[in-house]
Amino acid sequence: RPPRSTLFPYTTLFRSLAAADVHVNCDGGGSLQRAIAVARPGATILVRGTCNENVTIPAEKARITLEGAGSATISGAVANLPTVSIQGRDVTIRGFAVTGGYDGIEVARGGAALIDGNVVRGNGNFGISLVHDASATIVNNVVRENANAGIAISSSSSAWIGFVSFQDAAPSPNQITDNGQQR
């Protein structure tokens, strides 16, 4: 076994490569988009407050988690853009209220996401949309009062809705109500 002094540089290197949690307080002037820009693969972005911005997770971002803890809000500042656009892979968005954009959460252009435990409401088109070869697992969400359908899947996209895998012992249903296509 090599002496501890030989291992020390490698231990330090691996710790520096590990993704750190990123904290954003939007009520205190923080920006979720800036946090996404600096987040490394594997990072969890812990969000507090109301983020009045449209955010994009670009294709080069992977294994990013946005965590709202059931109390954070992302409110689209520009109504003709998605409030949250996910193009990265293995992205999780959990515990947010998502409102004010054209689509609430859009997964697009090969993006892959877990959309879990959010309230997606009051968007100008779809609550959740998957387009252009996107994929998502959509569980435990409330999707309501969007101008068009609650969930829309098109352009060679696919989704697991209400369960994560065939091995699930119980479903993880979404509540999809009062959207424009249901009236």
N, C-alpha and C. Protein backbone atom coordinates (compact mmCIF):
# COMPACT_ATOMS: atom_id res chain seq x y z
N ARG A 1 0.85 -1.18 0.00
CA ARG A 1 0.00 0.00 0.00
C ARG A 1 0.89 1.24 0.00
N PRO A 2 0.62 2.19 -0.91
CA PRO A 2 1.45 3.40 -0.96
C PRO A 2 1.28 4.23 0.30
N PRO A 3 2.33 4.93 0.68
CA PRO A 3 2.21 5.80 1.86
C PRO A 3 1.16 6.89 1.61
N ARG A 4 0.57 7.38 2.71
CA ARG A 4 -0.46 8.41 2.65
C ARG A 4 -0.01 9.63 1.86
N SER A 5 1.22 10.03 1.98
CA SER A 5 1.72 11.20 1.28
C SER A 5 1.63 11.02 -0.24
N THR A 6 1.71 9.76 -0.73
CA THR A 6 1.60 9.50 -2.15
C THR A 6 0.14 9.65 -2.61
N LEU A 7 -0.83 9.27 -1.77
CA LEU A 7 -2.24 9.34 -2.13
C LEU A 7 -2.80 10.75 -2.02
N PHE A 8 -2.24 11.58 -1.17
CA PHE A 8 -2.80 12.88 -0.89
C PHE A 8 -3.08 13.73 -2.13
N PRO A 9 -2.15 13.86 -3.09
CA PRO A 9 -2.45 14.70 -4.27
C PRO A 9 -3.66 14.20 -5.05
N TYR A 10 -3.85 12.88 -5.15
CA TYR A 10 -4.98 12.35 -5.90
C TYR A 10 -6.30 12.60 -5.17
N THR A 11 -6.30 12.45 -3.85
CA THR A 11 -7.49 12.73 -3.06
C THR A 11 -7.93 14.18 -3.25
N THR A 12 -6.97 15.09 -3.21
CA THR A 12 -7.27 16.51 -3.40
C THR A 12 -7.83 16.75 -4.80
N LEU A 13 -7.24 16.10 -5.81
CA LEU A 13 -7.70 16.26 -7.18
C LEU A 13 -9.15 15.79 -7.32
N PHE A 14 -9.49 14.62 -6.78
CA PHE A 14 -10.85 14.10 -6.90
C PHE A 14 -11.85 14.98 -6.17
N ARG A 15 -11.48 15.52 -5.03
CA ARG A 15 -12.39 16.44 -4.32
C ARG A 15 -12.63 17.69 -5.14
N SER A 16 -11.61 18.20 -5.82
CA SER A 16 -11.79 19.42 -6.60
C SER A 16 -12.64 19.17 -7.84
N LEU A 17 -12.68 17.91 -8.33
CA LEU A 17 -13.50 17.60 -9.49
C LEU A 17 -14.95 17.31 -9.14
N ALA A 18 -15.22 17.02 -7.87
CA ALA A 18 -16.58 16.71 -7.45
C ALA A 18 -17.46 17.95 -7.59
N ALA A 19 -18.68 17.73 -8.03
CA ALA A 19 -19.62 18.85 -8.19
C ALA A 19 -20.11 19.30 -6.82
N ALA A 20 -20.11 20.60 -6.63
CA ALA A 20 -20.59 21.17 -5.38
C ALA A 20 -22.01 21.66 -5.55
N ASP A 21 -22.76 21.66 -4.45
CA ASP A 21 -24.09 22.26 -4.48
C ASP A 21 -23.95 23.75 -4.71
N VAL A 22 -24.91 24.31 -5.43
CA VAL A 22 -24.94 25.74 -5.70
C VAL A 22 -26.21 26.27 -5.07
N HIS A 23 -26.10 27.34 -4.30
CA HIS A 23 -27.26 27.95 -3.63
C HIS A 23 -27.63 29.24 -4.34
N VAL A 24 -28.94 29.42 -4.61
CA VAL A 24 -29.44 30.62 -5.27
C VAL A 24 -30.61 31.16 -4.46
N ASN A 25 -30.53 32.41 -4.06
CA ASN A 25 -31.65 33.08 -3.40
C ASN A 25 -32.14 34.16 -4.36
N CYS A 26 -33.17 33.84 -5.13
CA CYS A 26 -33.68 34.79 -6.12
C CYS A 26 -34.28 36.03 -5.49
N ASP A 27 -34.84 35.91 -4.29
CA ASP A 27 -35.37 37.09 -3.60
C ASP A 27 -34.25 38.03 -3.15
N GLY A 28 -33.05 37.50 -3.03
CA GLY A 28 -31.89 38.30 -2.62
C GLY A 28 -31.05 38.76 -3.79
N GLY A 29 -31.57 38.67 -5.01
CA GLY A 29 -30.85 39.14 -6.19
C GLY A 29 -30.11 38.06 -6.95
N GLY A 30 -30.21 36.81 -6.51
CA GLY A 30 -29.55 35.73 -7.22
C GLY A 30 -30.21 35.42 -8.54
N SER A 31 -29.47 34.80 -9.45
CA SER A 31 -29.99 34.43 -10.76
C SER A 31 -29.82 32.94 -10.97
N LEU A 32 -30.93 32.26 -11.25
CA LEU A 32 -30.89 30.83 -11.53
C LEU A 32 -30.11 30.57 -12.81
N GLN A 33 -30.25 31.40 -13.83
CA GLN A 33 -29.52 31.19 -15.08
C GLN A 33 -28.02 31.29 -14.86
N ARG A 34 -27.56 32.23 -14.04
CA ARG A 34 -26.12 32.32 -13.74
C ARG A 34 -25.64 31.07 -13.01
N ALA A 35 -26.46 30.54 -12.10
CA ALA A 35 -26.09 29.33 -11.38
C ALA A 35 -25.99 28.14 -12.33
N ILE A 36 -26.90 28.05 -13.28
CA ILE A 36 -26.84 26.98 -14.27
C ILE A 36 -25.56 27.09 -15.09
N ALA A 37 -25.18 28.30 -15.44
CA ALA A 37 -23.98 28.51 -16.26
C ALA A 37 -22.71 28.01 -15.58
N VAL A 38 -22.63 28.12 -14.26
CA VAL A 38 -21.41 27.71 -13.56
C VAL A 38 -21.48 26.30 -12.98
N ALA A 39 -22.66 25.70 -12.98
CA ALA A 39 -22.83 24.36 -12.38
C ALA A 39 -22.08 23.31 -13.19
N ARG A 40 -21.42 22.41 -12.47
CA ARG A 40 -20.70 21.31 -13.11
C ARG A 40 -21.59 20.07 -13.10
N PRO A 41 -21.27 19.08 -13.94
CA PRO A 41 -22.06 17.85 -13.94
C PRO A 41 -22.16 17.26 -12.53
N GLY A 42 -23.36 16.84 -12.18
CA GLY A 42 -23.61 16.27 -10.86
C GLY A 42 -24.03 17.29 -9.82
N ALA A 43 -24.03 18.56 -10.16
CA ALA A 43 -24.37 19.61 -9.20
C ALA A 43 -25.87 19.66 -8.93
N THR A 44 -26.22 20.03 -7.70
CA THR A 44 -27.59 20.34 -7.33
C THR A 44 -27.66 21.83 -7.09
N ILE A 45 -28.59 22.49 -7.76
CA ILE A 45 -28.80 23.93 -7.57
C ILE A 45 -30.01 24.07 -6.65
N LEU A 46 -29.75 24.54 -5.44
CA LEU A 46 -30.79 24.69 -4.41
C LEU A 46 -31.32 26.11 -4.50
N VAL A 47 -32.61 26.25 -4.78
CA VAL A 47 -33.20 27.55 -5.08
C VAL A 47 -34.18 27.97 -4.01
N ARG A 48 -34.09 29.25 -3.63
CA ARG A 48 -35.04 29.86 -2.70
C ARG A 48 -35.66 31.08 -3.38
N GLY A 49 -36.91 31.37 -3.03
CA GLY A 49 -37.56 32.58 -3.51
C GLY A 49 -38.19 32.44 -4.87
N THR A 50 -38.48 33.59 -5.48
CA THR A 50 -39.10 33.66 -6.79
C THR A 50 -38.10 34.16 -7.81
N CYS A 51 -37.81 33.34 -8.80
CA CYS A 51 -36.89 33.70 -9.88
C CYS A 51 -37.73 34.22 -11.04
N ASN A 52 -37.66 35.52 -11.29
CA ASN A 52 -38.41 36.14 -12.37
C ASN A 52 -37.54 36.15 -13.62
N GLU A 53 -37.43 34.98 -14.25
CA GLU A 53 -36.58 34.83 -15.42
C GLU A 53 -36.98 33.57 -16.18
N ASN A 54 -36.67 33.55 -17.45
CA ASN A 54 -36.79 32.34 -18.26
C ASN A 54 -35.40 31.72 -18.23
N VAL A 55 -35.34 30.42 -17.99
CA VAL A 55 -34.03 29.77 -17.88
C VAL A 55 -33.88 28.66 -18.91
N THR A 56 -32.65 28.46 -19.35
CA THR A 56 -32.32 27.41 -20.30
C THR A 56 -31.18 26.58 -19.74
N ILE A 57 -31.35 25.27 -19.79
CA ILE A 57 -30.26 24.35 -19.46
C ILE A 57 -29.77 23.83 -20.81
N PRO A 58 -28.62 24.34 -21.27
CA PRO A 58 -28.16 24.01 -22.63
C PRO A 58 -27.69 22.57 -22.76
N ALA A 59 -27.54 22.12 -24.00
CA ALA A 59 -27.19 20.73 -24.30
C ALA A 59 -25.89 20.29 -23.65
N GLU A 60 -24.95 21.18 -23.45
CA GLU A 60 -23.66 20.78 -22.87
C GLU A 60 -23.73 20.56 -21.36
N LYS A 61 -24.84 20.89 -20.73
CA LYS A 61 -25.01 20.65 -19.30
C LYS A 61 -25.63 19.27 -19.08
N ALA A 62 -25.02 18.47 -18.21
CA ALA A 62 -25.53 17.13 -17.93
C ALA A 62 -25.54 16.90 -16.43
N ARG A 63 -26.49 16.05 -16.01
CA ARG A 63 -26.59 15.64 -14.61
C ARG A 63 -26.69 16.85 -13.67
N ILE A 64 -27.58 17.76 -14.01
CA ILE A 64 -27.84 18.94 -13.18
C ILE A 64 -29.20 18.74 -12.52
N THR A 65 -29.31 19.06 -11.24
CA THR A 65 -30.59 19.01 -10.53
C THR A 65 -30.96 20.41 -10.09
N LEU A 66 -32.17 20.85 -10.42
CA LEU A 66 -32.73 22.09 -9.90
C LEU A 66 -33.68 21.68 -8.79
N GLU A 67 -33.44 22.14 -7.58
CA GLU A 67 -34.23 21.74 -6.41
C GLU A 67 -34.90 22.96 -5.80
N GLY A 68 -36.23 22.97 -5.84
CA GLY A 68 -36.99 24.09 -5.28
C GLY A 68 -37.57 23.82 -3.91
N ALA A 69 -37.43 22.60 -3.43
CA ALA A 69 -37.87 22.21 -2.08
C ALA A 69 -39.34 22.52 -1.81
N GLY A 70 -40.15 22.62 -2.85
CA GLY A 70 -41.58 22.86 -2.68
C GLY A 70 -41.95 24.29 -2.36
N SER A 71 -40.98 25.20 -2.34
CA SER A 71 -41.31 26.58 -1.99
C SER A 71 -40.76 27.61 -2.98
N ALA A 72 -39.94 27.22 -3.93
CA ALA A 72 -39.37 28.18 -4.89
C ALA A 72 -40.27 28.27 -6.13
N THR A 73 -40.20 29.42 -6.80
CA THR A 73 -40.98 29.67 -8.00
C THR A 73 -40.07 30.13 -9.12
N ILE A 74 -40.34 29.63 -10.33
CA ILE A 74 -39.72 30.18 -11.54
C ILE A 74 -40.84 30.78 -12.35
N SER A 75 -40.80 32.09 -12.51
CA SER A 75 -41.85 32.83 -13.21
C SER A 75 -41.25 33.44 -14.47
N GLY A 76 -41.71 32.99 -15.62
CA GLY A 76 -41.15 33.47 -16.89
C GLY A 76 -41.33 34.96 -17.05
N ALA A 77 -40.23 35.66 -17.27
CA ALA A 77 -40.27 37.12 -17.47
C ALA A 77 -40.69 37.47 -18.89
N VAL A 78 -40.47 36.55 -19.83
CA VAL A 78 -40.83 36.77 -21.23
C VAL A 78 -41.89 35.73 -21.59
N ALA A 79 -43.10 36.20 -21.86
CA ALA A 79 -44.25 35.31 -22.03
C ALA A 79 -44.20 34.46 -23.29
N ASN A 80 -43.41 34.83 -24.31
CA ASN A 80 -43.39 34.03 -25.53
C ASN A 80 -42.21 33.05 -25.57
N LEU A 81 -41.54 32.82 -24.44
CA LEU A 81 -40.48 31.82 -24.31
C LEU A 81 -40.88 30.82 -23.24
N PRO A 82 -40.34 29.59 -23.30
CA PRO A 82 -40.61 28.66 -22.20
C PRO A 82 -40.06 29.23 -20.88
N THR A 83 -40.76 28.97 -19.80
CA THR A 83 -40.23 29.38 -18.50
C THR A 83 -38.94 28.63 -18.22
N VAL A 84 -38.95 27.32 -18.43
CA VAL A 84 -37.75 26.48 -18.28
C VAL A 84 -37.59 25.68 -19.56
N SER A 85 -36.44 25.81 -20.22
CA SER A 85 -36.13 25.04 -21.41
C SER A 85 -34.96 24.12 -21.09
N ILE A 86 -35.18 22.81 -21.25
CA ILE A 86 -34.16 21.82 -20.92
C ILE A 86 -33.69 21.16 -22.21
N GLN A 87 -32.41 21.34 -22.52
CA GLN A 87 -31.79 20.70 -23.67
C GLN A 87 -30.66 19.77 -23.23
N GLY A 88 -30.27 19.86 -21.95
CA GLY A 88 -29.24 18.99 -21.41
C GLY A 88 -29.78 17.60 -21.11
N ARG A 89 -28.88 16.71 -20.75
CA ARG A 89 -29.26 15.32 -20.45
C ARG A 89 -29.20 15.05 -18.96
N ASP A 90 -30.08 14.14 -18.50
CA ASP A 90 -30.13 13.75 -17.09
C ASP A 90 -30.32 14.97 -16.19
N VAL A 91 -31.25 15.81 -16.55
CA VAL A 91 -31.58 17.01 -15.78
C VAL A 91 -32.81 16.70 -14.94
N THR A 92 -32.77 17.09 -13.68
CA THR A 92 -33.92 16.94 -12.79
C THR A 92 -34.41 18.32 -12.39
N ILE A 93 -35.73 18.52 -12.45
CA ILE A 93 -36.35 19.72 -11.91
C ILE A 93 -37.41 19.26 -10.94
N ARG A 94 -37.26 19.68 -9.68
CA ARG A 94 -38.11 19.15 -8.60
C ARG A 94 -38.49 20.26 -7.62
N GLY A 95 -39.79 20.26 -7.27
CA GLY A 95 -40.26 21.09 -6.17
C GLY A 95 -40.44 22.56 -6.47
N PHE A 96 -40.80 22.92 -7.70
CA PHE A 96 -40.99 24.32 -8.08
C PHE A 96 -42.45 24.60 -8.44
N ALA A 97 -42.84 25.86 -8.33
CA ALA A 97 -44.00 26.39 -9.03
C ALA A 97 -43.41 27.00 -10.30
N VAL A 98 -43.97 26.63 -11.46
CA VAL A 98 -43.45 27.10 -12.75
C VAL A 98 -44.60 27.76 -13.49
N THR A 99 -44.44 29.05 -13.81
CA THR A 99 -45.55 29.81 -14.37
C THR A 99 -45.04 30.92 -15.29
N GLY A 100 -45.94 31.46 -16.11
CA GLY A 100 -45.70 32.70 -16.82
C GLY A 100 -45.05 32.63 -18.18
N GLY A 101 -44.61 31.46 -18.64
CA GLY A 101 -43.97 31.37 -19.96
C GLY A 101 -44.93 30.88 -21.02
N TYR A 102 -44.40 30.70 -22.22
CA TYR A 102 -45.20 30.13 -23.30
C TYR A 102 -45.53 28.68 -22.95
N ASP A 103 -44.50 27.87 -22.72
CA ASP A 103 -44.66 26.55 -22.11
C ASP A 103 -44.03 26.65 -20.73
N GLY A 104 -44.57 25.93 -19.77
CA GLY A 104 -43.99 25.97 -18.44
C GLY A 104 -42.61 25.32 -18.42
N ILE A 105 -42.57 24.03 -18.76
CA ILE A 105 -41.31 23.29 -18.85
C ILE A 105 -41.27 22.66 -20.24
N GLU A 106 -40.23 23.01 -20.99
CA GLU A 106 -40.04 22.45 -22.32
C GLU A 106 -38.76 21.61 -22.29
N VAL A 107 -38.86 20.36 -22.74
CA VAL A 107 -37.69 19.52 -22.94
C VAL A 107 -37.55 19.38 -24.45
N ALA A 108 -36.38 19.76 -24.99
CA ALA A 108 -36.25 19.86 -26.44
C ALA A 108 -34.88 19.42 -26.94
N ARG A 109 -34.82 19.15 -28.23
CA ARG A 109 -33.58 18.90 -28.96
C ARG A 109 -32.69 17.84 -28.32
N GLY A 110 -33.29 16.69 -28.02
CA GLY A 110 -32.52 15.60 -27.44
C GLY A 110 -32.34 15.67 -25.95
N GLY A 111 -32.92 16.66 -25.31
CA GLY A 111 -32.82 16.78 -23.86
C GLY A 111 -33.51 15.62 -23.17
N ALA A 112 -33.08 15.34 -21.95
CA ALA A 112 -33.68 14.25 -21.16
C ALA A 112 -33.83 14.73 -19.73
N ALA A 113 -35.02 14.56 -19.14
CA ALA A 113 -35.28 15.14 -17.83
C ALA A 113 -36.17 14.26 -16.97
N LEU A 114 -36.01 14.47 -15.67
CA LEU A 114 -36.96 13.98 -14.67
C LEU A 114 -37.68 15.22 -14.16
N ILE A 115 -39.00 15.25 -14.33
CA ILE A 115 -39.82 16.38 -13.89
C ILE A 115 -40.68 15.84 -12.76
N ASP A 116 -40.38 16.26 -11.53
CA ASP A 116 -40.91 15.59 -10.35
C ASP A 116 -41.38 16.59 -9.29
N GLY A 117 -42.65 16.51 -8.94
CA GLY A 117 -43.17 17.26 -7.79
C GLY A 117 -43.27 18.76 -7.99
N ASN A 118 -43.60 19.19 -9.18
CA ASN A 118 -43.74 20.62 -9.48
C ASN A 118 -45.22 20.98 -9.63
N VAL A 119 -45.51 22.26 -9.50
CA VAL A 119 -46.83 22.80 -9.85
C VAL A 119 -46.60 23.67 -11.08
N VAL A 120 -47.13 23.24 -12.21
CA VAL A 120 -46.92 23.93 -13.49
C VAL A 120 -48.27 24.49 -13.91
N ARG A 121 -48.40 25.82 -13.83
CA ARG A 121 -49.72 26.41 -14.06
C ARG A 121 -49.61 27.80 -14.67
N GLY A 122 -50.66 28.19 -15.36
CA GLY A 122 -50.78 29.56 -15.86
C GLY A 122 -49.79 29.90 -16.96
N ASN A 123 -49.48 28.94 -17.82
CA ASN A 123 -48.59 29.21 -18.94
C ASN A 123 -49.42 29.41 -20.21
N GLY A 124 -48.87 30.13 -21.18
CA GLY A 124 -49.61 30.54 -22.36
C GLY A 124 -49.90 29.46 -23.38
N ASN A 125 -49.21 28.33 -23.29
CA ASN A 125 -49.44 27.24 -24.23
C ASN A 125 -49.55 25.94 -23.44
N PHE A 126 -48.53 25.11 -23.45
CA PHE A 126 -48.55 23.83 -22.74
C PHE A 126 -47.95 23.98 -21.34
N GLY A 127 -48.40 23.13 -20.44
CA GLY A 127 -47.75 23.07 -19.13
C GLY A 127 -46.37 22.47 -19.26
N ILE A 128 -46.32 21.26 -19.82
CA ILE A 128 -45.06 20.55 -20.06
C ILE A 128 -45.07 20.10 -21.52
N SER A 129 -43.99 20.39 -22.25
CA SER A 129 -43.91 19.95 -23.64
C SER A 129 -42.58 19.27 -23.92
N LEU A 130 -42.65 18.23 -24.74
CA LEU A 130 -41.46 17.50 -25.19
C LEU A 130 -41.46 17.58 -26.71
N VAL A 131 -40.36 18.10 -27.27
CA VAL A 131 -40.26 18.27 -28.73
C VAL A 131 -38.87 17.90 -29.22
N HIS A 132 -38.79 17.49 -30.47
CA HIS A 132 -37.53 17.24 -31.17
C HIS A 132 -36.64 16.24 -30.45
N ASP A 133 -37.09 14.98 -30.41
CA ASP A 133 -36.29 13.86 -29.87
C ASP A 133 -35.99 14.00 -28.38
N ALA A 134 -36.86 14.59 -27.63
CA ALA A 134 -36.67 14.74 -26.19
C ALA A 134 -37.29 13.55 -25.45
N SER A 135 -36.88 13.37 -24.21
CA SER A 135 -37.49 12.34 -23.38
C SER A 135 -37.58 12.84 -21.94
N ALA A 136 -38.58 12.34 -21.23
CA ALA A 136 -38.76 12.76 -19.84
C ALA A 136 -39.52 11.72 -19.06
N THR A 137 -39.28 11.72 -17.76
CA THR A 137 -40.09 11.00 -16.80
C THR A 137 -40.84 12.08 -16.04
N ILE A 138 -42.16 11.99 -16.02
CA ILE A 138 -43.01 13.05 -15.46
C ILE A 138 -43.85 12.42 -14.35
N VAL A 139 -43.51 12.75 -13.09
CA VAL A 139 -44.18 12.14 -11.94
C VAL A 139 -44.48 13.18 -10.86
N ASN A 140 -45.59 12.95 -10.15
CA ASN A 140 -45.94 13.71 -8.94
C ASN A 140 -46.14 15.21 -9.16
N ASN A 141 -46.52 15.62 -10.35
CA ASN A 141 -46.72 17.04 -10.65
C ASN A 141 -48.20 17.41 -10.62
N VAL A 142 -48.46 18.69 -10.42
CA VAL A 142 -49.79 19.27 -10.62
C VAL A 142 -49.65 20.17 -11.84
N VAL A 143 -50.40 19.85 -12.90
CA VAL A 143 -50.32 20.60 -14.14
C VAL A 143 -51.72 21.11 -14.42
N ARG A 144 -51.91 22.43 -14.24
CA ARG A 144 -53.27 22.95 -14.36
C ARG A 144 -53.27 24.38 -14.88
N GLU A 145 -54.43 24.75 -15.41
CA GLU A 145 -54.71 26.13 -15.84
C GLU A 145 -53.71 26.66 -16.86
N ASN A 146 -53.26 25.78 -17.76
CA ASN A 146 -52.43 26.21 -18.88
C ASN A 146 -53.34 26.41 -20.08
N ALA A 147 -52.99 27.32 -20.99
CA ALA A 147 -53.89 27.69 -22.07
C ALA A 147 -54.16 26.55 -23.04
N ASN A 148 -53.23 25.64 -23.23
CA ASN A 148 -53.41 24.52 -24.14
C ASN A 148 -53.38 23.25 -23.30
N ALA A 149 -52.88 22.16 -23.83
CA ALA A 149 -52.86 20.89 -23.09
C ALA A 149 -51.90 20.94 -21.91
N GLY A 150 -52.16 20.11 -20.93
CA GLY A 150 -51.27 20.03 -19.77
C GLY A 150 -49.92 19.46 -20.13
N ILE A 151 -49.91 18.35 -20.87
CA ILE A 151 -48.67 17.71 -21.33
C ILE A 151 -48.80 17.45 -22.82
N ALA A 152 -47.79 17.86 -23.59
CA ALA A 152 -47.77 17.63 -25.04
C ALA A 152 -46.46 16.95 -25.42
N ILE A 153 -46.57 15.89 -26.24
CA ILE A 153 -45.39 15.14 -26.66
C ILE A 153 -45.44 15.04 -28.18
N SER A 154 -44.38 15.51 -28.86
CA SER A 154 -44.38 15.49 -30.32
C SER A 154 -42.96 15.35 -30.86
N SER A 155 -42.87 15.25 -32.16
CA SER A 155 -41.59 15.27 -32.89
C SER A 155 -40.61 14.22 -32.40
N SER A 156 -41.04 12.96 -32.41
CA SER A 156 -40.20 11.81 -32.03
C SER A 156 -39.74 11.84 -30.59
N SER A 157 -40.52 12.44 -29.72
CA SER A 157 -40.20 12.48 -28.29
C SER A 157 -40.95 11.38 -27.56
N SER A 158 -40.54 11.11 -26.32
CA SER A 158 -41.21 10.06 -25.54
C SER A 158 -41.19 10.43 -24.07
N ALA A 159 -42.13 9.82 -23.32
CA ALA A 159 -42.20 10.12 -21.88
C ALA A 159 -42.75 8.93 -21.12
N TRP A 160 -42.31 8.81 -19.87
CA TRP A 160 -42.92 7.94 -18.87
C TRP A 160 -43.74 8.90 -18.01
N ILE A 161 -45.03 8.69 -17.95
CA ILE A 161 -45.90 9.60 -17.21
C ILE A 161 -46.57 8.82 -16.10
N GLY A 162 -46.29 9.20 -14.85
CA GLY A 162 -46.91 8.57 -13.71
C GLY A 162 -46.15 7.40 -13.12
N PHE A 163 -45.07 6.99 -13.74
CA PHE A 163 -44.22 5.95 -13.18
C PHE A 163 -42.82 6.11 -13.75
N VAL A 164 -41.84 5.55 -13.02
CA VAL A 164 -40.44 5.71 -13.41
C VAL A 164 -39.97 4.51 -14.22
N SER A 165 -40.41 3.31 -13.85
CA SER A 165 -40.00 2.11 -14.57
C SER A 165 -41.07 1.02 -14.42
N PHE A 166 -40.89 -0.06 -15.13
CA PHE A 166 -41.81 -1.18 -15.03
C PHE A 166 -41.78 -1.82 -13.64
N GLN A 167 -40.72 -1.63 -12.91
CA GLN A 167 -40.58 -2.23 -11.58
C GLN A 167 -41.28 -1.43 -10.48
N ASP A 168 -41.84 -0.28 -10.78
CA ASP A 168 -42.51 0.50 -9.75
C ASP A 168 -43.63 -0.31 -9.09
N ALA A 169 -43.61 -0.34 -7.76
CA ALA A 169 -44.66 -1.06 -7.03
C ALA A 169 -45.97 -0.26 -7.00
N ALA A 170 -45.85 1.06 -7.07
CA ALA A 170 -47.04 1.92 -7.05
C ALA A 170 -46.80 3.09 -8.01
N PRO A 171 -47.86 3.63 -8.58
CA PRO A 171 -47.69 4.77 -9.49
C PRO A 171 -47.33 6.04 -8.72
N SER A 172 -46.79 6.99 -9.45
CA SER A 172 -46.49 8.33 -8.94
C SER A 172 -47.27 9.31 -9.81
N PRO A 173 -48.59 9.38 -9.61
CA PRO A 173 -49.45 10.08 -10.57
C PRO A 173 -49.27 11.60 -10.57
N ASN A 174 -49.65 12.17 -11.68
CA ASN A 174 -49.72 13.61 -11.86
C ASN A 174 -51.19 14.01 -11.78
N GLN A 175 -51.47 15.23 -11.36
CA GLN A 175 -52.82 15.78 -11.42
C GLN A 175 -52.83 16.76 -12.58
N ILE A 176 -53.57 16.44 -13.62
CA ILE A 176 -53.60 17.26 -14.83
C ILE A 176 -55.05 17.71 -15.01
N THR A 177 -55.32 18.98 -14.68
CA THR A 177 -56.70 19.46 -14.69
C THR A 177 -56.81 20.90 -15.20
N ASP A 178 -57.97 21.22 -15.68
CA ASP A 178 -58.35 22.60 -16.05
C ASP A 178 -57.41 23.25 -17.05
N ASN A 179 -56.88 22.46 -17.98
CA ASN A 179 -56.06 23.01 -19.06
C ASN A 179 -56.96 23.27 -20.27
N GLY A 180 -56.52 24.10 -21.19
CA GLY A 180 -57.34 24.52 -22.33
C GLY A 180 -57.92 23.39 -23.16
N GLN A 181 -57.19 22.33 -23.39
CA GLN A 181 -57.68 21.21 -24.20
C GLN A 181 -58.70 20.36 -23.47
N GLN A 182 -58.87 20.57 -22.17
CA GLN A 182 -59.80 19.75 -21.39
C GLN A 182 -61.16 20.41 -21.24
N ARG A 183 -61.27 21.64 -21.66
CA ARG A 183 -62.53 22.37 -21.47
C ARG A 183 -63.52 22.05 -22.54
